[in-house]
């Protein structure tokens, strides 16, 4: 009986071990949110940089025409 009980619990132990391993390696919602926030921040920074750079170029071009 002892060996049969051990054989029955061994697959269960293996399954619980695999579940624990999967939880450790799984990507959480917080990590996904942080990555998306970082990408959004970078996109906004690039957009702001090019917007400011192009807007100053346009203003410089308009000033000689007004004089």
C-alpha atoms as a PDB file:
ATOM      1  CA  UNK A   1       0.000   0.000   0.000  1.00  0.00           C
ATOM      2  CA  UNK A   2       2.820   2.401   0.779  1.00  0.00           C
ATOM      3  CA  UNK A   3       4.291   2.132  -2.718  1.00  0.00           C
ATOM      4  CA  UNK A   4       0.920   2.568  -4.385  1.00  0.00           C
ATOM      5  CA  UNK A   5       0.185   5.697  -2.345  1.00  0.00           C
ATOM      6  CA  UNK A   6       3.598   7.107  -3.269  1.00  0.00           C
ATOM      7  CA  UNK A   7       2.986   6.432  -6.968  1.00  0.00           C
ATOM      8  CA  UNK A   8      -0.360   8.174  -6.759  1.00  0.00           C
ATOM      9  CA  UNK A   9       1.047  11.277  -5.099  1.00  0.00           C
ATOM     10  CA  UNK A  10       4.158  11.541  -7.290  1.00  0.00           C
ATOM     11  CA  UNK A  11       2.311  12.864 -10.389  1.00  0.00           C
ATOM     12  CA  UNK A  12       0.378  15.257  -8.176  1.00  0.00           C
ATOM     13  CA  UNK A  13       3.627  16.540  -6.668  1.00  0.00           C
ATOM     14  CA  UNK A  14       5.110  16.888 -10.141  1.00  0.00           C
ATOM     15  CA  UNK A  15       2.046  18.838 -11.317  1.00  0.00           C
ATOM     16  CA  UNK A  16       2.199  21.215  -8.373  1.00  0.00           C
ATOM     17  CA  UNK A  17       5.919  21.719  -8.967  1.00  0.00           C
ATOM     18  CA  UNK A  18       5.269  22.562 -12.627  1.00  0.00           C
ATOM     19  CA  UNK A  19       2.546  25.026 -11.625  1.00  0.00           C
ATOM     20  CA  UNK A  20       4.930  26.754  -9.213  1.00  0.00           C
ATOM     21  CA  UNK A  21       7.610  26.972 -11.917  1.00  0.00           C
ATOM     22  CA  UNK A  22       5.103  28.431 -14.372  1.00  0.00           C
ATOM     23  CA  UNK A  23       4.043  31.068 -11.856  1.00  0.00           C
ATOM     24  CA  UNK A  24       7.660  32.115 -11.290  1.00  0.00           C
ATOM     25  CA  UNK A  25       8.374  32.524 -14.999  1.00  0.00           C
ATOM     26  CA  UNK A  26       5.014  34.015 -16.012  1.00  0.00           C
ATOM     27  CA  UNK A  27       4.865  37.696 -16.933  1.00  0.00           C
ATOM     28  CA  UNK A  28       2.550  39.596 -14.639  1.00  0.00           C
ATOM     29  CA  UNK A  29       0.136  42.381 -15.465  1.00  0.00           C
ATOM     30  CA  UNK A  30       2.348  44.904 -13.667  1.00  0.00           C
ATOM     31  CA  UNK A  31       5.333  44.065 -15.850  1.00  0.00           C
ATOM     32  CA  UNK A  32       3.293  44.353 -19.035  1.00  0.00           C
ATOM     33  CA  UNK A  33       1.903  47.693 -17.875  1.00  0.00           C
ATOM     34  CA  UNK A  34       5.357  49.014 -17.065  1.00  0.00           C
ATOM     35  CA  UNK A  35       6.709  47.994 -20.461  1.00  0.00           C
ATOM     36  CA  UNK A  36       3.766  49.610 -22.260  1.00  0.00           C
ATOM     37  CA  UNK A  37       4.151  52.784 -20.195  1.00  0.00           C
ATOM     38  CA  UNK A  38       7.858  52.946 -21.038  1.00  0.00           C
ATOM     39  CA  UNK A  39       7.166  52.520 -24.760  1.00  0.00           C
ATOM     40  CA  UNK A  40       4.468  55.195 -24.618  1.00  0.00           C
ATOM     41  CA  UNK A  41       6.824  57.574 -22.803  1.00  0.00           C
ATOM     42  CA  UNK A  42       9.498  57.049 -25.453  1.00  0.00           C
ATOM     43  CA  UNK A  43       7.028  57.665 -28.268  1.00  0.00           C
ATOM     44  CA  UNK A  44       5.795  60.852 -26.611  1.00  0.00           C
ATOM     45  CA  UNK A  45       9.379  62.025 -26.103  1.00  0.00           C
ATOM     46  CA  UNK A  46      10.217  61.473 -29.785  1.00  0.00           C
ATOM     47  CA  UNK A  47       7.003  63.168 -30.859  1.00  0.00           C
ATOM     48  CA  UNK A  48       7.657  66.177 -28.611  1.00  0.00           C
ATOM     49  CA  UNK A  49      11.265  66.442 -29.810  1.00  0.00           C
ATOM     50  CA  UNK A  50      10.348  66.438 -33.484  1.00  0.00           C
ATOM     51  CA  UNK A  51       7.329  68.691 -32.936  1.00  0.00           C
ATOM     52  CA  UNK A  52       9.437  71.304 -31.169  1.00  0.00           C
ATOM     53  CA  UNK A  53      12.225  71.014 -33.723  1.00  0.00           C
ATOM     54  CA  UNK A  54       9.879  71.400 -36.713  1.00  0.00           C
ATOM     55  CA  UNK A  55       7.879  74.200 -35.086  1.00  0.00           C
ATOM     56  CA  UNK A  56      11.047  76.261 -34.502  1.00  0.00           C
ATOM     57  CA  UNK A  57      12.126  75.677 -38.112  1.00  0.00           C
ATOM     58  CA  UNK A  58       8.777  76.947 -39.379  1.00  0.00           C
ATOM     59  CA  UNK A  59       8.925  80.003 -37.126  1.00  0.00           C
ATOM     60  CA  UNK A  60      12.417  80.826 -38.375  1.00  0.00           C
ATOM     61  CA  UNK A  61      11.238  80.589 -41.966  1.00  0.00           C
ATOM     62  CA  UNK A  62       8.249  82.847 -41.348  1.00  0.00           C
ATOM     63  CA  UNK A  63      10.198  85.654 -39.683  1.00  0.00           C
ATOM     64  CA  UNK A  64      12.155  86.800 -42.818  1.00  0.00           C
ATOM     65  CA  UNK A  65       8.936  86.782 -44.882  1.00  0.00           C
ATOM     66  CA  UNK A  66       7.202  89.126 -42.424  1.00  0.00           C
ATOM     67  CA  UNK A  67      10.017  91.736 -42.588  1.00  0.00           C
END
